[in-house]
N, C-alpha and C. Protein backbone atom coordinates (compact mmCIF):
# COMPACT_ATOMS: atom_id res chain seq x y z
N MET A 1 -5.55 -18.84 -42.28
CA MET A 1 -4.66 -20.01 -42.75
C MET A 1 -5.56 -20.76 -44.19
N GLU A 2 -4.79 -20.91 -45.13
CA GLU A 2 -5.51 -21.93 -46.17
C GLU A 2 -6.02 -23.13 -46.12
N LYS A 3 -6.70 -24.10 -45.95
CA LYS A 3 -6.89 -24.95 -46.08
C LYS A 3 -6.62 -25.84 -46.91
N LYS A 4 -5.70 -26.89 -47.25
CA LYS A 4 -5.32 -27.55 -48.38
C LYS A 4 -4.96 -29.28 -47.87
N PHE A 5 -4.56 -30.49 -48.60
CA PHE A 5 -3.75 -31.26 -48.10
C PHE A 5 -2.71 -31.49 -48.19
N LEU A 6 -2.06 -31.97 -47.07
CA LEU A 6 -0.54 -31.72 -47.00
C LEU A 6 0.33 -32.61 -47.75
N ASN A 7 1.40 -31.33 -48.34
CA ASN A 7 2.29 -32.13 -49.47
C ASN A 7 3.05 -33.62 -48.87
N PRO A 8 2.97 -34.61 -49.05
CA PRO A 8 3.89 -35.71 -48.34
C PRO A 8 5.48 -35.34 -47.99
N HIS A 9 6.17 -34.53 -48.49
CA HIS A 9 7.44 -33.94 -48.51
C HIS A 9 7.22 -32.87 -46.79
N GLU A 10 6.47 -32.10 -46.73
CA GLU A 10 6.19 -31.26 -45.77
C GLU A 10 5.38 -31.78 -44.70
N ILE A 11 5.28 -33.42 -44.40
CA ILE A 11 4.60 -33.41 -43.39
C ILE A 11 5.46 -33.37 -42.14
N PRO A 12 5.09 -32.81 -41.11
CA PRO A 12 5.98 -32.76 -39.49
C PRO A 12 6.45 -34.13 -38.84
N VAL A 13 7.16 -33.89 -38.48
CA VAL A 13 7.85 -34.99 -37.50
C VAL A 13 7.00 -35.06 -36.25
N ILE A 14 6.22 -36.08 -36.27
CA ILE A 14 6.10 -36.60 -34.58
C ILE A 14 6.93 -36.47 -33.69
N PRO A 15 6.95 -35.92 -32.86
CA PRO A 15 8.24 -36.04 -31.87
C PRO A 15 8.04 -37.78 -30.79
N GLY A 16 9.18 -38.37 -31.23
CA GLY A 16 9.17 -39.71 -30.76
C GLY A 16 9.58 -40.72 -32.07
N THR A 17 9.19 -40.14 -32.87
CA THR A 17 9.59 -40.67 -34.44
C THR A 17 10.35 -40.83 -35.44
N GLU A 18 11.22 -39.75 -34.80
CA GLU A 18 12.36 -40.09 -35.43
C GLU A 18 13.23 -41.04 -36.07
N GLY A 19 13.39 -41.16 -37.39
CA GLY A 19 13.66 -42.44 -37.49
C GLY A 19 13.13 -43.61 -38.36
N TRP A 20 11.79 -43.31 -38.33
CA TRP A 20 10.89 -44.41 -38.90
C TRP A 20 10.79 -44.70 -40.26
N GLU A 21 12.05 -43.83 -40.82
CA GLU A 21 12.13 -44.24 -42.54
C GLU A 21 13.28 -45.34 -42.76
N ARG A 22 13.83 -45.75 -41.46
CA ARG A 22 15.11 -46.49 -41.48
C ARG A 22 14.33 -47.78 -41.78
N MET A 23 13.41 -47.80 -41.03
CA MET A 23 12.35 -49.32 -40.97
C MET A 23 12.24 -50.34 -41.61
N TYR A 24 11.68 -49.06 -43.10
CA TYR A 24 10.91 -49.70 -44.43
C TYR A 24 12.16 -49.62 -45.76
N PRO A 25 11.79 -50.55 -46.60
CA PRO A 25 12.63 -50.50 -47.77
C PRO A 25 12.31 -49.14 -48.60
N TYR A 26 13.80 -48.46 -49.16
CA TYR A 26 13.31 -47.49 -49.84
C TYR A 26 11.95 -47.18 -50.71
N TYR A 27 11.71 -48.18 -51.33
CA TYR A 27 10.70 -47.94 -52.48
C TYR A 27 9.53 -47.59 -52.01
N TYR A 28 8.98 -47.83 -50.56
CA TYR A 28 7.70 -47.29 -49.81
C TYR A 28 7.97 -45.98 -49.76
N LYS A 29 8.84 -45.51 -49.70
CA LYS A 29 8.63 -44.13 -48.79
C LYS A 29 8.81 -42.88 -50.09
N PHE A 30 8.32 -41.78 -49.87
CA PHE A 30 8.20 -40.90 -50.72
C PHE A 30 9.79 -40.29 -50.49
N VAL A 31 9.98 -39.61 -51.66
CA VAL A 31 11.58 -39.38 -52.08
C VAL A 31 11.63 -38.44 -51.09
N PRO A 32 13.19 -38.13 -50.88
CA PRO A 32 13.48 -37.25 -49.40
C PRO A 32 13.61 -35.75 -50.66
N LYS A 33 13.37 -34.62 -49.50
CA LYS A 33 13.18 -33.36 -50.31
C LYS A 33 14.87 -33.10 -50.83
N GLY A 34 14.87 -33.24 -52.28
CA GLY A 34 16.36 -32.28 -52.72
C GLY A 34 17.06 -33.52 -53.41
N VAL A 35 16.49 -34.93 -53.16
CA VAL A 35 17.17 -35.79 -53.60
C VAL A 35 17.07 -36.32 -55.05
N SER A 36 15.77 -36.58 -55.52
CA SER A 36 15.55 -36.44 -57.00
C SER A 36 14.41 -35.63 -57.28
N PRO A 37 14.71 -34.21 -58.30
CA PRO A 37 13.56 -33.10 -58.13
C PRO A 37 12.33 -34.04 -59.07
N GLU A 38 13.09 -34.60 -60.21
CA GLU A 38 12.15 -35.05 -61.19
C GLU A 38 10.71 -35.91 -60.52
N MET A 39 11.10 -36.83 -59.48
CA MET A 39 10.12 -37.58 -58.62
C MET A 39 9.63 -36.82 -57.74
N GLU A 40 10.52 -35.84 -56.85
CA GLU A 40 9.46 -35.13 -55.72
C GLU A 40 8.70 -33.86 -56.60
N GLN A 41 8.75 -33.56 -57.94
CA GLN A 41 8.18 -32.87 -58.66
C GLN A 41 6.66 -34.24 -59.04
N TYR A 42 7.10 -35.47 -59.22
CA TYR A 42 5.88 -36.81 -59.87
C TYR A 42 5.04 -36.74 -58.13
N GLU A 43 5.71 -36.57 -57.46
CA GLU A 43 4.66 -37.27 -56.16
C GLU A 43 3.85 -35.60 -55.70
N ASN A 44 4.65 -34.77 -56.13
CA ASN A 44 3.39 -33.81 -55.50
C ASN A 44 2.49 -32.98 -56.01
N GLU A 45 2.85 -33.77 -57.37
CA GLU A 45 1.28 -33.07 -58.74
C GLU A 45 0.27 -34.42 -58.46
N GLN A 46 0.56 -35.58 -57.53
CA GLN A 46 -0.48 -36.63 -57.37
C GLN A 46 -1.35 -36.14 -55.89
N PHE A 47 -2.33 -36.59 -56.53
CA PHE A 47 -3.58 -36.55 -54.99
C PHE A 47 -3.19 -38.41 -54.26
N TRP A 48 -2.45 -37.74 -53.16
CA TRP A 48 -2.84 -39.23 -52.37
C TRP A 48 -3.64 -39.06 -51.27
N PHE A 49 -4.00 -40.49 -51.05
CA PHE A 49 -5.11 -40.69 -49.92
C PHE A 49 -4.86 -41.98 -49.31
N ILE A 50 -5.00 -41.72 -47.61
CA ILE A 50 -4.84 -42.83 -47.21
C ILE A 50 -5.49 -43.64 -47.15
N ASP A 51 -5.26 -45.37 -47.18
CA ASP A 51 -5.86 -46.60 -47.64
C ASP A 51 -5.95 -46.62 -46.20
N ASN A 52 -7.12 -46.73 -45.68
CA ASN A 52 -7.63 -47.03 -44.28
C ASN A 52 -8.96 -47.96 -44.64
N LEU A 53 -9.22 -48.31 -46.04
CA LEU A 53 -10.20 -49.63 -45.73
C LEU A 53 -9.32 -50.48 -46.23
N HIS A 54 -8.32 -50.83 -46.56
CA HIS A 54 -7.29 -52.67 -46.47
C HIS A 54 -6.44 -52.58 -45.32
N GLN A 55 -6.07 -51.33 -45.13
CA GLN A 55 -5.48 -51.35 -43.43
C GLN A 55 -5.29 -50.15 -42.91
N SER A 56 -6.13 -50.77 -41.64
CA SER A 56 -6.84 -49.64 -40.96
C SER A 56 -5.77 -49.15 -39.74
N ARG A 57 -4.88 -49.87 -40.17
CA ARG A 57 -3.51 -49.06 -38.77
C ARG A 57 -2.21 -49.36 -39.34
N PRO A 58 -1.35 -48.46 -38.74
CA PRO A 58 -0.03 -48.42 -39.58
C PRO A 58 0.65 -49.69 -39.63
N LEU A 59 1.32 -50.22 -41.16
CA LEU A 59 1.83 -50.80 -41.71
C LEU A 59 2.95 -51.58 -40.80
N LEU A 60 3.31 -52.75 -40.03
CA LEU A 60 4.76 -52.84 -39.75
C LEU A 60 5.46 -52.98 -40.19
N PRO A 61 6.67 -52.92 -40.03
CA PRO A 61 8.27 -53.27 -41.26
C PRO A 61 8.24 -54.31 -41.31
N PHE A 62 8.03 -55.54 -40.44
CA PHE A 62 8.08 -56.99 -41.17
C PHE A 62 6.74 -57.21 -41.95
N GLU A 63 5.33 -56.54 -41.79
CA GLU A 63 4.55 -56.66 -42.42
C GLU A 63 4.49 -56.74 -44.14
N THR A 64 5.69 -55.87 -44.58
CA THR A 64 5.75 -55.10 -45.90
C THR A 64 5.86 -56.15 -46.80
N ILE A 65 6.19 -57.14 -46.52
CA ILE A 65 6.15 -58.87 -47.00
C ILE A 65 4.63 -58.96 -48.02
N VAL A 66 3.59 -58.78 -46.86
CA VAL A 66 2.31 -59.05 -47.24
C VAL A 66 1.72 -57.95 -48.64
N ASP A 67 2.42 -56.72 -48.27
CA ASP A 67 2.14 -55.51 -49.34
C ASP A 67 2.95 -55.77 -50.30
N ASP A 68 4.30 -56.82 -50.73
CA ASP A 68 4.92 -56.73 -51.70
C ASP A 68 4.22 -57.97 -52.32
N LEU A 69 3.75 -58.68 -51.90
CA LEU A 69 2.96 -60.07 -52.86
C LEU A 69 1.96 -59.49 -53.39
N TRP A 70 0.67 -58.75 -52.62
CA TRP A 70 -0.42 -58.84 -53.15
C TRP A 70 -0.42 -57.13 -54.39
N TRP A 71 0.81 -56.33 -53.99
CA TRP A 71 0.58 -55.29 -54.94
C TRP A 71 0.78 -55.47 -56.24
N PRO A 72 1.60 -56.15 -56.41
CA PRO A 72 1.61 -56.66 -58.17
C PRO A 72 0.47 -57.05 -58.80
N SER A 73 0.15 -58.31 -57.92
CA SER A 73 -0.98 -58.98 -58.34
C SER A 73 -2.49 -57.82 -58.81
N LEU A 74 -2.57 -57.00 -57.96
CA LEU A 74 -3.38 -55.83 -58.19
C LEU A 74 -3.27 -55.18 -59.36
N ASN A 75 -1.88 -55.02 -59.76
CA ASN A 75 -1.79 -54.03 -60.63
C ASN A 75 -1.62 -54.90 -62.30
N GLN A 76 -1.44 -56.29 -61.75
CA GLN A 76 -1.53 -56.52 -62.92
C GLN A 76 -2.59 -57.19 -63.40
N MET A 77 -3.63 -57.52 -62.17
CA MET A 77 -4.87 -57.86 -63.12
C MET A 77 -5.62 -56.62 -63.26
N SER A 78 -5.62 -55.26 -62.95
CA SER A 78 -6.54 -54.44 -63.07
C SER A 78 -5.74 -53.99 -64.38
N THR A 79 -4.58 -54.14 -64.96
CA THR A 79 -3.89 -53.55 -66.26
C THR A 79 -3.95 -54.76 -67.33
N ARG A 80 -3.91 -55.95 -66.74
CA ARG A 80 -3.41 -57.30 -68.28
C ARG A 80 -4.72 -57.94 -67.58
N VAL A 81 -5.11 -58.40 -66.96
CA VAL A 81 -6.48 -59.60 -66.92
C VAL A 81 -7.98 -58.86 -67.58
N LEU A 82 -7.90 -57.82 -66.37
CA LEU A 82 -9.21 -57.10 -66.68
C LEU A 82 -9.49 -56.14 -67.75
N CYS A 83 -8.16 -55.24 -67.60
CA CYS A 83 -7.80 -54.14 -68.61
C CYS A 83 -8.88 -52.63 -68.46
N PHE A 84 -9.22 -52.39 -67.35
CA PHE A 84 -9.84 -51.30 -67.02
C PHE A 84 -9.44 -50.46 -67.77
N PRO A 85 -10.06 -49.72 -68.56
CA PRO A 85 -10.05 -48.41 -69.36
C PRO A 85 -9.15 -47.47 -69.03
N THR A 86 -9.54 -47.03 -67.38
CA THR A 86 -9.35 -45.82 -66.89
C THR A 86 -8.15 -45.96 -66.24
N ALA A 87 -7.47 -47.12 -66.18
CA ALA A 87 -6.33 -46.88 -64.87
C ALA A 87 -5.02 -48.12 -64.91
N ALA A 88 -3.88 -47.75 -64.90
CA ALA A 88 -2.78 -47.92 -65.60
C ALA A 88 -2.55 -49.12 -63.94
N GLY A 89 -2.91 -49.42 -63.29
CA GLY A 89 -2.43 -49.84 -61.48
C GLY A 89 -2.79 -48.26 -60.60
N LEU A 90 -2.31 -49.08 -59.39
CA LEU A 90 -2.03 -48.06 -57.94
C LEU A 90 -0.65 -48.04 -58.13
N ASP A 91 -0.36 -46.78 -57.31
CA ASP A 91 1.00 -46.42 -56.76
C ASP A 91 0.60 -46.11 -55.38
N HIS A 92 1.73 -46.60 -54.44
CA HIS A 92 1.58 -46.83 -52.97
C HIS A 92 2.67 -46.16 -52.07
N ARG A 93 2.68 -45.29 -51.48
CA ARG A 93 4.10 -45.00 -50.32
C ARG A 93 3.40 -45.38 -48.65
N LEU A 94 4.40 -45.29 -48.18
CA LEU A 94 4.22 -45.12 -47.02
C LEU A 94 4.60 -43.83 -45.82
N VAL A 95 4.01 -43.23 -44.72
CA VAL A 95 4.43 -42.25 -44.18
C VAL A 95 3.96 -42.74 -42.58
N TYR A 96 5.02 -43.00 -41.90
CA TYR A 96 4.96 -43.57 -40.62
C TYR A 96 4.08 -44.83 -40.35
N GLY A 97 4.51 -45.26 -41.22
CA GLY A 97 3.55 -46.88 -41.84
C GLY A 97 2.21 -46.78 -42.04
N TRP A 98 1.72 -45.48 -42.12
CA TRP A 98 0.48 -45.66 -43.17
C TRP A 98 0.30 -45.46 -44.58
N VAL A 99 0.07 -46.28 -45.15
CA VAL A 99 -0.24 -46.56 -46.85
C VAL A 99 -0.98 -45.28 -47.55
N TYR A 100 -0.43 -44.84 -48.05
CA TYR A 100 -1.11 -43.78 -48.85
C TYR A 100 -0.95 -44.40 -50.95
N LEU A 101 -2.03 -44.48 -50.92
CA LEU A 101 -2.52 -44.90 -52.78
C LEU A 101 -2.97 -43.68 -53.43
N LYS A 102 -2.85 -43.90 -55.09
CA LYS A 102 -3.04 -42.62 -55.66
C LYS A 102 -3.37 -43.68 -57.21
N LYS A 103 -4.43 -43.68 -57.93
CA LYS A 103 -4.27 -44.11 -59.17
C LYS A 103 -3.10 -43.52 -60.42
N ILE A 104 -2.83 -44.71 -61.14
CA ILE A 104 -2.20 -43.79 -62.08
C ILE A 104 -2.92 -44.22 -63.34
N PRO A 105 -2.77 -43.11 -63.83
CA PRO A 105 -4.07 -42.95 -64.98
C PRO A 105 -3.38 -43.35 -66.62
N ARG A 106 -4.27 -43.43 -67.41
CA ARG A 106 -3.75 -43.86 -68.81
C ARG A 106 -3.64 -42.79 -69.54
């Protein structure tokens, strides 16, 4: 068996968690398979990693308001104020409430 990172669109369903996607806004989730081939290809070509440093547990649905506040601030600070030359911000998605990040390269 080949060892590799899981494709975010092929993560198996955990018994008892069916329908978890309905609790979160659409823009936090990976695009469902077959809905948008361009977005699915974009997400599949990226290296996504779990953010256990800032969120050590799954994000609850009502806690997404906190994520809505700090996410734009972080991206604006790293691209407009400090202008890190190697980053154009961060992208993020949720899987079962866990936050996955990836760097947006320039």
